[in-house]
Amino acid sequence: MNARKIVVDVPATLGGPTYWLCEIKEDREYKDNKPTEKLLGYRYITAIPRLGLERIVVKIPGPLQITLTDDELEAVDFENLSLNVYGMENKQVGLSAKATGIFIATEKK
């Protein structure tokens, strides 16, 4: 079975809906294993309380939607958060995440 066809139940896997945003990085297009100037969106590195603060990266295409100050954690929620699994060489399973939006947990959208 292709691992990409597996649908992951986000609440059952991650808990939430509130997570801790730790860091934000640009998500650039790669060509020949090197980043290009083309900005695809941002990667929001997020700690998951239910998983002992294990981190996942949530990719969101488009412009930056939230900012962090240095050494700050922010409680956040995601819009349309989805998870995918993929197989890795060491017979482990990887998890990728994407969303359409991110907002401060105290805000309601």
PDB file of N, CA and C in Angstrom:
ATOM      1  N   MET A   1       0.841  -1.171   0.000  1.00  0.00           N
ATOM      2  CA  MET A   1       0.000   0.000   0.000  1.00  0.00           C
ATOM      3  C   MET A   1       0.890   1.239   0.000  1.00  0.00           C
ATOM      4  N   ASN A   2       0.501   2.225  -0.768  1.00  0.00           N
ATOM      5  CA  ASN A   2       1.199   3.497  -0.801  1.00  0.00           C
ATOM      6  C   ASN A   2       0.862   4.265   0.478  1.00  0.00           C
ATOM      7  N   ALA A   3       1.888   4.636   1.234  1.00  0.00           N
ATOM      8  CA  ALA A   3       1.679   5.329   2.507  1.00  0.00           C
ATOM      9  C   ALA A   3       0.959   6.656   2.325  1.00  0.00           C
ATOM     10  N   ARG A   4       1.098   7.289   1.175  1.00  0.00           N
ATOM     11  CA  ARG A   4       0.450   8.584   0.923  1.00  0.00           C
ATOM     12  C   ARG A   4      -1.068   8.468   0.862  1.00  0.00           C
ATOM     13  N   LYS A   5      -1.591   7.262   0.708  1.00  0.00           N
ATOM     14  CA  LYS A   5      -3.038   7.059   0.638  1.00  0.00           C
ATOM     15  C   LYS A   5      -3.677   6.911   2.019  1.00  0.00           C
ATOM     16  N   ILE A   6      -2.862   6.863   3.047  1.00  0.00           N
ATOM     17  CA  ILE A   6      -3.378   6.709   4.396  1.00  0.00           C
ATOM     18  C   ILE A   6      -3.862   8.056   4.918  1.00  0.00           C
ATOM     19  N   VAL A   7      -5.079   8.097   5.434  1.00  0.00           N
ATOM     20  CA  VAL A   7      -5.638   9.315   6.002  1.00  0.00           C
ATOM     21  C   VAL A   7      -5.420   9.261   7.512  1.00  0.00           C
ATOM     22  N   VAL A   8      -4.794  10.301   8.054  1.00  0.00           N
ATOM     23  CA  VAL A   8      -4.459  10.339   9.471  1.00  0.00           C
ATOM     24  C   VAL A   8      -5.467  11.213  10.215  1.00  0.00           C
ATOM     25  N   ASP A   9      -5.988  10.707  11.315  1.00  0.00           N
ATOM     26  CA  ASP A   9      -6.913  11.447  12.168  1.00  0.00           C
ATOM     27  C   ASP A   9      -6.090  12.416  13.027  1.00  0.00           C
ATOM     28  N   VAL A  10      -6.139  13.714  12.692  1.00  0.00           N
ATOM     29  CA  VAL A  10      -5.310  14.709  13.364  1.00  0.00           C
ATOM     30  C   VAL A  10      -5.578  14.773  14.867  1.00  0.00           C
ATOM     31  N   PRO A  11      -6.837  14.936  15.336  1.00  0.00           N
ATOM     32  CA  PRO A  11      -7.057  15.012  16.787  1.00  0.00           C
ATOM     33  C   PRO A  11      -6.602  13.753  17.533  1.00  0.00           C
ATOM     34  N   ALA A  12      -6.814  12.588  16.939  1.00  0.00           N
ATOM     35  CA  ALA A  12      -6.412  11.349  17.606  1.00  0.00           C
ATOM     36  C   ALA A  12      -4.894  11.205  17.652  1.00  0.00           C
ATOM     37  N   THR A  13      -4.200  11.744  16.680  1.00  0.00           N
ATOM     38  CA  THR A  13      -2.751  11.628  16.612  1.00  0.00           C
ATOM     39  C   THR A  13      -2.042  12.717  17.407  1.00  0.00           C
ATOM     40  N   LEU A  14      -2.478  13.968  17.249  1.00  0.00           N
ATOM     41  CA  LEU A  14      -1.775  15.098  17.852  1.00  0.00           C
ATOM     42  C   LEU A  14      -2.434  15.683  19.088  1.00  0.00           C
ATOM     43  N   GLY A  15      -3.714  15.344  19.313  1.00  0.00           N
ATOM     44  CA  GLY A  15      -4.423  16.005  20.398  1.00  0.00           C
ATOM     45  C   GLY A  15      -4.759  17.417  19.961  1.00  0.00           C
ATOM     46  N   GLY A  16      -4.706  18.325  20.869  1.00  0.00           N
ATOM     47  CA  GLY A  16      -4.932  19.727  20.489  1.00  0.00           C
ATOM     48  C   GLY A  16      -6.361  20.127  20.747  1.00  0.00           C
ATOM     49  N   PRO A  17      -6.819  21.199  20.192  1.00  0.00           N
ATOM     50  CA  PRO A  17      -6.284  21.852  19.006  1.00  0.00           C
ATOM     51  C   PRO A  17      -5.166  22.848  19.256  1.00  0.00           C
ATOM     52  N   THR A  18      -4.729  23.077  20.488  1.00  0.00           N
ATOM     53  CA  THR A  18      -3.694  24.082  20.704  1.00  0.00           C
ATOM     54  C   THR A  18      -2.313  23.433  20.731  1.00  0.00           C
ATOM     55  N   TYR A  19      -1.383  24.050  19.988  1.00  0.00           N
ATOM     56  CA  TYR A  19      -0.005  23.578  19.868  1.00  0.00           C
ATOM     57  C   TYR A  19       0.928  24.743  20.181  1.00  0.00           C
ATOM     58  N   TRP A  20       2.224  24.465  20.344  1.00  0.00           N
ATOM     59  CA  TRP A  20       3.198  25.500  20.671  1.00  0.00           C
ATOM     60  C   TRP A  20       4.092  25.770  19.469  1.00  0.00           C
ATOM     61  N   LEU A  21       3.983  26.975  18.924  1.00  0.00           N
ATOM     62  CA  LEU A  21       4.824  27.384  17.805  1.00  0.00           C
ATOM     63  C   LEU A  21       6.189  27.778  18.348  1.00  0.00           C
ATOM     64  N   CYS A  22       7.247  27.140  17.840  1.00  0.00           N
ATOM     65  CA  CYS A  22       8.599  27.348  18.347  1.00  0.00           C
ATOM     66  C   CYS A  22       9.478  28.165  17.410  1.00  0.00           C
ATOM     67  N   GLU A  23       9.263  27.978  16.103  1.00  0.00           N
ATOM     68  CA  GLU A  23      10.160  28.584  15.132  1.00  0.00           C
ATOM     69  C   GLU A  23       9.461  28.661  13.780  1.00  0.00           C
ATOM     70  N   ILE A  24       9.886  29.609  12.956  1.00  0.00           N
ATOM     71  CA  ILE A  24       9.341  29.764  11.612  1.00  0.00           C
ATOM     72  C   ILE A  24      10.509  29.860  10.641  1.00  0.00           C
ATOM     73  N   LYS A  25      10.435  29.086   9.550  1.00  0.00           N
ATOM     74  CA  LYS A  25      11.476  29.104   8.517  1.00  0.00           C
ATOM     75  C   LYS A  25      10.826  29.219   7.146  1.00  0.00           C
ATOM     76  N   GLU A  26      11.563  29.786   6.213  1.00  0.00           N
ATOM     77  CA  GLU A  26      11.078  29.877   4.837  1.00  0.00           C
ATOM     78  C   GLU A  26      11.039  28.498   4.202  1.00  0.00           C
ATOM     79  N   ASP A  27      10.084  28.299   3.323  1.00  0.00           N
ATOM     80  CA  ASP A  27       9.964  27.063   2.549  1.00  0.00           C
ATOM     81  C   ASP A  27      10.238  27.416   1.092  1.00  0.00           C
ATOM     82  N   ARG A  28      11.425  27.126   0.633  1.00  0.00           N
ATOM     83  CA  ARG A  28      11.847  27.490  -0.719  1.00  0.00           C
ATOM     84  C   ARG A  28      11.769  26.300  -1.671  1.00  0.00           C
ATOM     85  N   GLU A  29      11.589  26.610  -2.928  1.00  0.00           N
ATOM     86  CA  GLU A  29      11.634  25.586  -3.968  1.00  0.00           C
ATOM     87  C   GLU A  29      13.082  25.123  -4.120  1.00  0.00           C
ATOM     88  N   TYR A  30      13.263  23.836  -4.355  1.00  0.00           N
ATOM     89  CA  TYR A  30      14.601  23.286  -4.551  1.00  0.00           C
ATOM     90  C   TYR A  30      14.753  22.828  -5.992  1.00  0.00           C
ATOM     91  N   LYS A  31      15.958  23.043  -6.527  1.00  0.00           N
ATOM     92  CA  LYS A  31      16.294  22.572  -7.870  1.00  0.00           C
ATOM     93  C   LYS A  31      17.718  22.035  -7.803  1.00  0.00           C
ATOM     94  N   ASP A  32      17.915  20.810  -8.250  1.00  0.00           N
ATOM     95  CA  ASP A  32      19.224  20.153  -8.172  1.00  0.00           C
ATOM     96  C   ASP A  32      19.747  20.126  -6.733  1.00  0.00           C
ATOM     97  N   ASN A  33      18.846  19.832  -5.792  1.00  0.00           N
ATOM     98  CA  ASN A  33      19.172  19.734  -4.364  1.00  0.00           C
ATOM     99  C   ASN A  33      19.692  21.028  -3.758  1.00  0.00           C
ATOM    100  N   LYS A  34      19.372  22.175  -4.377  1.00  0.00           N
ATOM    101  CA  LYS A  34      19.774  23.470  -3.847  1.00  0.00           C
ATOM    102  C   LYS A  34      18.560  24.387  -3.803  1.00  0.00           C
ATOM    103  N   PRO A  35      18.441  25.203  -2.739  1.00  0.00           N
ATOM    104  CA  PRO A  35      17.299  26.120  -2.665  1.00  0.00           C
ATOM    105  C   PRO A  35      17.406  27.204  -3.744  1.00  0.00           C
ATOM    106  N   THR A  36      16.263  27.548  -4.311  1.00  0.00           N
ATOM    107  CA  THR A  36      16.206  28.625  -5.300  1.00  0.00           C
ATOM    108  C   THR A  36      15.700  29.892  -4.614  1.00  0.00           C
ATOM    109  N   GLU A  37      15.545  30.938  -5.374  1.00  0.00           N
ATOM    110  CA  GLU A  37      15.007  32.193  -4.851  1.00  0.00           C
ATOM    111  C   GLU A  37      13.488  32.142  -4.692  1.00  0.00           C
ATOM    112  N   LYS A  38      12.840  31.127  -5.272  1.00  0.00           N
ATOM    113  CA  LYS A  38      11.379  31.054  -5.250  1.00  0.00           C
ATOM    114  C   LYS A  38      10.880  30.625  -3.866  1.00  0.00           C
ATOM    115  N   LEU A  39      10.145  31.523  -3.212  1.00  0.00           N
ATOM    116  CA  LEU A  39       9.577  31.265  -1.899  1.00  0.00           C
ATOM    117  C   LEU A  39       8.193  30.638  -2.069  1.00  0.00           C
ATOM    118  N   LEU A  40       8.018  29.424  -1.542  1.00  0.00           N
ATOM    119  CA  LEU A  40       6.739  28.716  -1.652  1.00  0.00           C
ATOM    120  C   LEU A  40       5.793  29.053  -0.512  1.00  0.00           C
ATOM    121  N   GLY A  41       6.355  29.345   0.645  1.00  0.00           N
ATOM    122  CA  GLY A  41       5.563  29.595   1.846  1.00  0.00           C
ATOM    123  C   GLY A  41       6.476  29.523   3.053  1.00  0.00           C
ATOM    124  N   TYR A  42       5.909  29.045   4.155  1.00  0.00           N
ATOM    125  CA  TYR A  42       6.676  28.978   5.397  1.00  0.00           C
ATOM    126  C   TYR A  42       6.466  27.645   6.095  1.00  0.00           C
ATOM    127  N   ARG A  43       7.493  27.247   6.867  1.00  0.00           N
ATOM    128  CA  ARG A  43       7.442  26.035   7.688  1.00  0.00           C
ATOM    129  C   ARG A  43       7.348  26.487   9.136  1.00  0.00           C
ATOM    130  N   TYR A  44       6.280  26.070   9.801  1.00  0.00           N
ATOM    131  CA  TYR A  44       6.022  26.445  11.184  1.00  0.00           C
ATOM    132  C   TYR A  44       6.388  25.250  12.067  1.00  0.00           C
ATOM    133  N   ILE A  45       7.500  25.362  12.788  1.00  0.00           N
ATOM    134  CA  ILE A  45       7.969  24.272  13.641  1.00  0.00           C
ATOM    135  C   ILE A  45       7.191  24.344  14.949  1.00  0.00           C
ATOM    136  N   THR A  46       6.496  23.260  15.248  1.00  0.00           N
ATOM    137  CA  THR A  46       5.482  23.260  16.297  1.00  0.00           C
ATOM    138  C   THR A  46       5.699  22.106  17.271  1.00  0.00           C
ATOM    139  N   ALA A  47       5.659  22.396  18.571  1.00  0.00           N
ATOM    140  CA  ALA A  47       5.758  21.367  19.611  1.00  0.00           C
ATOM    141  C   ALA A  47       4.356  20.875  19.952  1.00  0.00           C
ATOM    142  N   ILE A  48       4.225  19.569  20.097  1.00  0.00           N
ATOM    143  CA  ILE A  48       2.937  18.931  20.334  1.00  0.00           C
ATOM    144  C   ILE A  48       2.865  18.448  21.783  1.00  0.00           C
ATOM    145  N   PRO A  49       2.053  19.114  22.634  1.00  0.00           N
ATOM    146  CA  PRO A  49       1.979  18.722  24.051  1.00  0.00           C
ATOM    147  C   PRO A  49       1.649  17.243  24.255  1.00  0.00           C
ATOM    148  N   ARG A  50       0.723  16.724  23.485  1.00  0.00           N
ATOM    149  CA  ARG A  50       0.303  15.322  23.670  1.00  0.00           C
ATOM    150  C   ARG A  50       1.434  14.340  23.390  1.00  0.00           C
ATOM    151  N   LEU A  51       2.408  14.749  22.571  1.00  0.00           N
ATOM    152  CA  LEU A  51       3.516  13.867  22.210  1.00  0.00           C
ATOM    153  C   LEU A  51       4.795  14.229  22.968  1.00  0.00           C
ATOM    154  N   GLY A  52       4.633  14.745  24.191  1.00  0.00           N
ATOM    155  CA  GLY A  52       5.789  15.088  25.008  1.00  0.00           C
ATOM    156  C   GLY A  52       6.618  16.206  24.400  1.00  0.00           C
ATOM    157  N   LEU A  53       5.955  17.132  23.732  1.00  0.00           N
ATOM    158  CA  LEU A  53       6.558  18.288  23.063  1.00  0.00           C
ATOM    159  C   LEU A  53       7.449  17.905  21.880  1.00  0.00           C
ATOM    160  N   GLU A  54       7.221  16.717  21.327  1.00  0.00           N
ATOM    161  CA  GLU A  54       7.889  16.361  20.079  1.00  0.00           C
ATOM    162  C   GLU A  54       7.473  17.373  19.022  1.00  0.00           C
ATOM    163  N   ARG A  55       8.380  17.701  18.141  1.00  0.00           N
ATOM    164  CA  ARG A  55       8.109  18.739  17.148  1.00  0.00           C
ATOM    165  C   ARG A  55       7.710  18.157  15.796  1.00  0.00           C
ATOM    166  N   ILE A  56       6.815  18.879  15.135  1.00  0.00           N
ATOM    167  CA  ILE A  56       6.500  18.587  13.745  1.00  0.00           C
ATOM    168  C   ILE A  56       6.599  19.903  12.966  1.00  0.00           C
ATOM    169  N   VAL A  57       6.785  19.776  11.676  1.00  0.00           N
ATOM    170  CA  VAL A  57       6.848  20.934  10.794  1.00  0.00           C
ATOM    171  C   VAL A  57       5.538  20.994  10.016  1.00  0.00           C
ATOM    172  N   VAL A  58       4.854  22.126  10.105  1.00  0.00           N
ATOM    173  CA  VAL A  58       3.606  22.328   9.369  1.00  0.00           C
ATOM    174  C   VAL A  58       3.891  23.346   8.268  1.00  0.00           C
ATOM    175  N   LYS A  59       3.743  22.914   7.016  1.00  0.00           N
ATOM    176  CA  LYS A  59       3.968  23.806   5.878  1.00  0.00           C
ATOM    177  C   LYS A  59       2.672  24.509   5.511  1.00  0.00           C
ATOM    178  N   ILE A  60       2.790  25.822   5.293  1.00  0.00           N
ATOM    179  CA  ILE A  60       1.659  26.619   4.838  1.00  0.00           C
ATOM    180  C   ILE A  60       2.138  27.445   3.648  1.00  0.00           C
ATOM    181  N   PRO A  61       1.518  27.258   2.476  1.00  0.00           N
ATOM    182  CA  PRO A  61       1.936  28.031   1.316  1.00  0.00           C
ATOM    183  C   PRO A  61       1.525  29.495   1.442  1.00  0.00           C
ATOM    184  N   GLY A  62       2.249  30.359   0.723  1.00  0.00           N
ATOM    185  CA  GLY A  62       1.883  31.769   0.688  1.00  0.00           C
ATOM    186  C   GLY A  62       2.663  32.617   1.662  1.00  0.00           C
ATOM    187  N   PRO A  63       2.144  33.817   1.936  1.00  0.00           N
ATOM    188  CA  PRO A  63       2.862  34.775   2.780  1.00  0.00           C
ATOM    189  C   PRO A  63       2.904  34.365   4.249  1.00  0.00           C
ATOM    190  N   LEU A  64       3.831  34.981   4.977  1.00  0.00           N
ATOM    191  CA  LEU A  64       3.965  34.765   6.411  1.00  0.00           C
ATOM    192  C   LEU A  64       2.671  35.175   7.105  1.00  0.00           C
ATOM    193  N   GLN A  65       2.133  34.305   7.962  1.00  0.00           N
ATOM    194  CA  GLN A  65       0.834  34.558   8.595  1.00  0.00           C
ATOM    195  C   GLN A  65       0.924  34.933  10.068  1.00  0.00           C
ATOM    196  N   ILE A  66       2.092  34.739  10.671  1.00  0.00           N
ATOM    197  CA  ILE A  66       2.265  34.992  12.098  1.00  0.00           C
ATOM    198  C   ILE A  66       3.752  35.210  12.339  1.00  0.00           C
ATOM    199  N   THR A  67       4.106  35.938  13.366  1.00  0.00           N
ATOM    200  CA  THR A  67       5.520  36.145  13.687  1.00  0.00           C
ATOM    201  C   THR A  67       5.784  35.791  15.137  1.00  0.00           C
ATOM    202  N   LEU A  68       7.042  35.541  15.430  1.00  0.00           N
ATOM    203  CA  LEU A  68       7.499  35.253  16.791  1.00  0.00           C
ATOM    204  C   LEU A  68       8.631  36.206  17.138  1.00  0.00           C
ATOM    205  N   THR A  69       8.730  36.589  18.415  1.00  0.00           N
ATOM    206  CA  THR A  69       9.912  37.311  18.853  1.00  0.00           C
ATOM    207  C   THR A  69      10.914  36.283  19.349  1.00  0.00           C
ATOM    208  N   ASP A  70      12.161  36.678  19.493  1.00  0.00           N
ATOM    209  CA  ASP A  70      13.209  35.752  19.934  1.00  0.00           C
ATOM    210  C   ASP A  70      12.848  35.094  21.255  1.00  0.00           C
ATOM    211  N   ASP A  71      13.169  33.807  21.350  1.00  0.00           N
ATOM    212  CA  ASP A  71      12.962  33.029  22.578  1.00  0.00           C
ATOM    213  C   ASP A  71      11.517  33.049  23.067  1.00  0.00           C
ATOM    214  N   GLU A  72      10.569  33.103  22.169  1.00  0.00           N
ATOM    215  CA  GLU A  72       9.157  33.138  22.525  1.00  0.00           C
ATOM    216  C   GLU A  72       8.466  31.893  21.970  1.00  0.00           C
ATOM    217  N   LEU A  73       7.572  31.332  22.736  1.00  0.00           N
ATOM    218  CA  LEU A  73       6.682  30.286  22.249  1.00  0.00           C
ATOM    219  C   LEU A  73       5.297  30.895  22.174  1.00  0.00           C
ATOM    220  N   GLU A  74       4.524  30.475  21.205  1.00  0.00           N
ATOM    221  CA  GLU A  74       3.180  31.023  21.039  1.00  0.00           C
ATOM    222  C   GLU A  74       2.199  29.871  20.901  1.00  0.00           C
ATOM    223  N   ALA A  75       1.103  29.911  21.651  1.00  0.00           N
ATOM    224  CA  ALA A  75       0.044  28.908  21.533  1.00  0.00           C
ATOM    225  C   ALA A  75      -0.730  29.214  20.251  1.00  0.00           C
ATOM    226  N   VAL A  76      -0.807  28.229  19.363  1.00  0.00           N
ATOM    227  CA  VAL A  76      -1.445  28.431  18.059  1.00  0.00           C
ATOM    228  C   VAL A  76      -2.392  27.288  17.719  1.00  0.00           C
ATOM    229  N   ASP A  77      -3.266  27.574  16.782  1.00  0.00           N
ATOM    230  CA  ASP A  77      -4.113  26.570  16.153  1.00  0.00           C
ATOM    231  C   ASP A  77      -3.930  26.710  14.649  1.00  0.00           C
ATOM    232  N   PHE A  78      -4.283  25.667  13.920  1.00  0.00           N
ATOM    233  CA  PHE A  78      -4.149  25.668  12.467  1.00  0.00           C
ATOM    234  C   PHE A  78      -5.505  25.533  11.806  1.00  0.00           C
ATOM    235  N   GLU A  79      -5.637  26.107  10.629  1.00  0.00           N
ATOM    236  CA  GLU A  79      -6.822  25.916   9.800  1.00  0.00           C
ATOM    237  C   GLU A  79      -6.535  24.789   8.821  1.00  0.00           C
ATOM    238  N   ASN A  80      -7.453  23.849   8.728  1.00  0.00           N
ATOM    239  CA  ASN A  80      -7.361  22.734   7.769  1.00  0.00           C
ATOM    240  C   ASN A  80      -6.051  21.963   7.894  1.00  0.00           C
ATOM    241  N   LEU A  81      -5.657  21.642   9.117  1.00  0.00           N
ATOM    242  CA  LEU A  81      -4.443  20.872   9.357  1.00  0.00           C
ATOM    243  C   LEU A  81      -4.649  19.435   8.883  1.00  0.00           C
ATOM    244  N   SER A  82      -3.712  18.951   8.080  1.00  0.00           N
ATOM    245  CA  SER A  82      -3.770  17.563   7.621  1.00  0.00           C
ATOM    246  C   SER A  82      -2.401  16.922   7.767  1.00  0.00           C
ATOM    247  N   LEU A  83      -2.393  15.620   7.980  1.00  0.00           N
ATOM    248  CA  LEU A  83      -1.166  14.858   8.167  1.00  0.00           C
ATOM    249  C   LEU A  83      -1.071  13.770   7.117  1.00  0.00           C
ATOM    250  N   ASN A  84       0.144  13.497   6.678  1.00  0.00           N
ATOM    251  CA  ASN A  84       0.410  12.389   5.763  1.00  0.00           C
ATOM    252  C   ASN A  84       1.557  11.569   6.319  1.00  0.00           C
ATOM    253  N   VAL A  85       1.537  10.287   6.067  1.00  0.00           N
ATOM    254  CA  VAL A  85       2.642   9.427   6.473  1.00  0.00           C
ATOM    255  C   VAL A  85       3.432   9.034   5.237  1.00  0.00           C
ATOM    256  N   TYR A  86       4.702   8.732   5.456  1.00  0.00           N
ATOM    257  CA  TYR A  86       5.553   8.253   4.379  1.00  0.00           C
ATOM    258  C   TYR A  86       6.569   7.291   4.965  1.00  0.00           C
ATOM    259  N   GLY A  87       7.010   6.347   4.153  1.00  0.00           N
ATOM    260  CA  GLY A  87       8.003   5.377   4.578  1.00  0.00           C
ATOM    261  C   GLY A  87       9.402   5.949   4.459  1.00  0.00           C
ATOM    262  N   MET A  88      10.263   5.560   5.391  1.00  0.00           N
ATOM    263  CA  MET A  88      11.665   5.990   5.357  1.00  0.00           C
ATOM    264  C   MET A  88      12.541   4.772   5.167  1.00  0.00           C
ATOM    265  N   GLU A  89      13.789   4.985   4.807  1.00  0.00           N
ATOM    266  CA  GLU A  89      14.702   3.889   4.500  1.00  0.00           C
ATOM    267  C   GLU A  89      14.922   2.930   5.656  1.00  0.00           C
ATOM    268  N   ASN A  90      14.864   3.407   6.890  1.00  0.00           N
ATOM    269  CA  ASN A  90      15.154   2.575   8.050  1.00  0.00           C
ATOM    270  C   ASN A  90      13.907   1.850   8.578  1.00  0.00           C
ATOM    271  N   LYS A  91      12.911   1.702   7.730  1.00  0.00           N
ATOM    272  CA  LYS A  91      11.652   1.027   8.062  1.00  0.00           C
ATOM    273  C   LYS A  91      10.843   1.771   9.109  1.00  0.00           C
ATOM    274  N   GLN A  92      11.132   3.045   9.282  1.00  0.00           N
ATOM    275  CA  GLN A  92      10.358   3.900  10.165  1.00  0.00           C
ATOM    276  C   GLN A  92       9.311   4.624   9.332  1.00  0.00           C
ATOM    277  N   VAL A  93       8.392   5.264  10.010  1.00  0.00           N
ATOM    278  CA  VAL A  93       7.351   6.036   9.338  1.00  0.00           C
ATOM    279  C   VAL A  93       7.567   7.503   9.649  1.00  0.00           C
ATOM    280  N   GLY A  94       7.554   8.333   8.603  1.00  0.00           N
ATOM    281  CA  GLY A  94       7.660   9.772   8.774  1.00  0.00           C
ATOM    282  C   GLY A  94       6.281  10.402   8.720  1.00  0.00           C
ATOM    283  N   LEU A  95       6.167  11.603   9.218  1.00  0.00           N
ATOM    284  CA  LEU A  95       4.901  12.323   9.243  1.00  0.00           C
ATOM    285  C   LEU A  95       5.128  13.711   8.667  1.00  0.00           C
ATOM    286  N   SER A  96       4.321  14.087   7.688  1.00  0.00           N
ATOM    287  CA  SER A  96       4.386  15.450   7.161  1.00  0.00           C
ATOM    288  C   SER A  96       3.053  16.122   7.430  1.00  0.00           C
ATOM    289  N   ALA A  97       3.092  17.441   7.598  1.00  0.00           N
ATOM    290  CA  ALA A  97       1.886  18.188   7.943  1.00  0.00           C
ATOM    291  C   ALA A  97       1.782  19.425   7.069  1.00  0.00           C
ATOM    292  N   LYS A  98       0.543  19.769   6.725  1.00  0.00           N
ATOM    293  CA  LYS A  98       0.291  21.010   6.001  1.00  0.00           C
ATOM    294  C   LYS A  98      -1.023  21.588   6.486  1.00  0.00           C
ATOM    295  N   ALA A  99      -1.185  22.889   6.262  1.00  0.00           N
ATOM    296  CA  ALA A  99      -2.395  23.598   6.681  1.00  0.00           C
ATOM    297  C   ALA A  99      -2.615  24.754   5.718  1.00  0.00           C
ATOM    298  N   THR A 100      -3.778  25.372   5.829  1.00  0.00           N
ATOM    299  CA  THR A 100      -4.062  26.549   5.008  1.00  0.00           C
ATOM    300  C   THR A 100      -3.890  27.838   5.797  1.00  0.00           C
ATOM    301  N   GLY A 101      -3.828  27.740   7.124  1.00  0.00           N
ATOM    302  CA  GLY A 101      -3.675  28.934   7.939  1.00  0.00           C
ATOM    303  C   GLY A 101      -3.224  28.611   9.338  1.00  0.00           C
ATOM    304  N   ILE A 102      -2.757  29.646  10.047  1.00  0.00           N
ATOM    305  CA  ILE A 102      -2.325  29.534  11.431  1.00  0.00           C
ATOM    306  C   ILE A 102      -2.771  30.802  12.156  1.00  0.00           C
ATOM    307  N   PHE A 103      -3.163  30.671  13.417  1.00  0.00           N
ATOM    308  CA  PHE A 103      -3.569  31.835  14.198  1.00  0.00           C
ATOM    309  C   PHE A 103      -3.287  31.594  15.675  1.00  0.00           C
ATOM    310  N   ILE A 104      -3.184  32.712  16.412  1.00  0.00           N
ATOM    311  CA  ILE A 104      -2.958  32.639  17.862  1.00  0.00           C
ATOM    312  C   ILE A 104      -4.131  31.904  18.492  1.00  0.00           C
ATOM    313  N   ALA A 105      -3.862  31.004  19.428  1.00  0.00           N
ATOM    314  CA  ALA A 105      -4.899  30.141  20.004  1.00  0.00           C
ATOM    315  C   ALA A 105      -6.010  30.913  20.676  1.00  0.00           C
ATOM    316  N   THR A 106      -5.748  32.104  21.186  1.00  0.00           N
ATOM    317  CA  THR A 106      -6.810  32.871  21.849  1.00  0.00           C
ATOM    318  C   THR A 106      -7.731  33.551  20.858  1.00  0.00           C
ATOM    319  N   GLU A 107      -7.313  33.648  19.587  1.00  0.00           N
ATOM    320  CA  GLU A 107      -8.165  34.244  18.550  1.00  0.00           C
ATOM    321  C   GLU A 107      -9.084  33.174  17.982  1.00  0.00           C
ATOM    322  N   LYS A 108     -10.279  33.533  17.626  1.00  0.00           N
ATOM    323  CA  LYS A 108     -11.186  32.592  16.990  1.00  0.00           C
ATOM    324  C   LYS A 108     -11.427  33.041  15.567  1.00  0.00           C
ATOM    325  N   LYS A 109     -11.255  32.108  14.646  1.00  0.00           N
ATOM    326  CA  LYS A 109     -11.508  32.428  13.238  1.00  0.00           C
ATOM    327  C   LYS A 109     -12.700  31.665  12.745  1.00  0.00           C
TER     328      LYS A 109
END
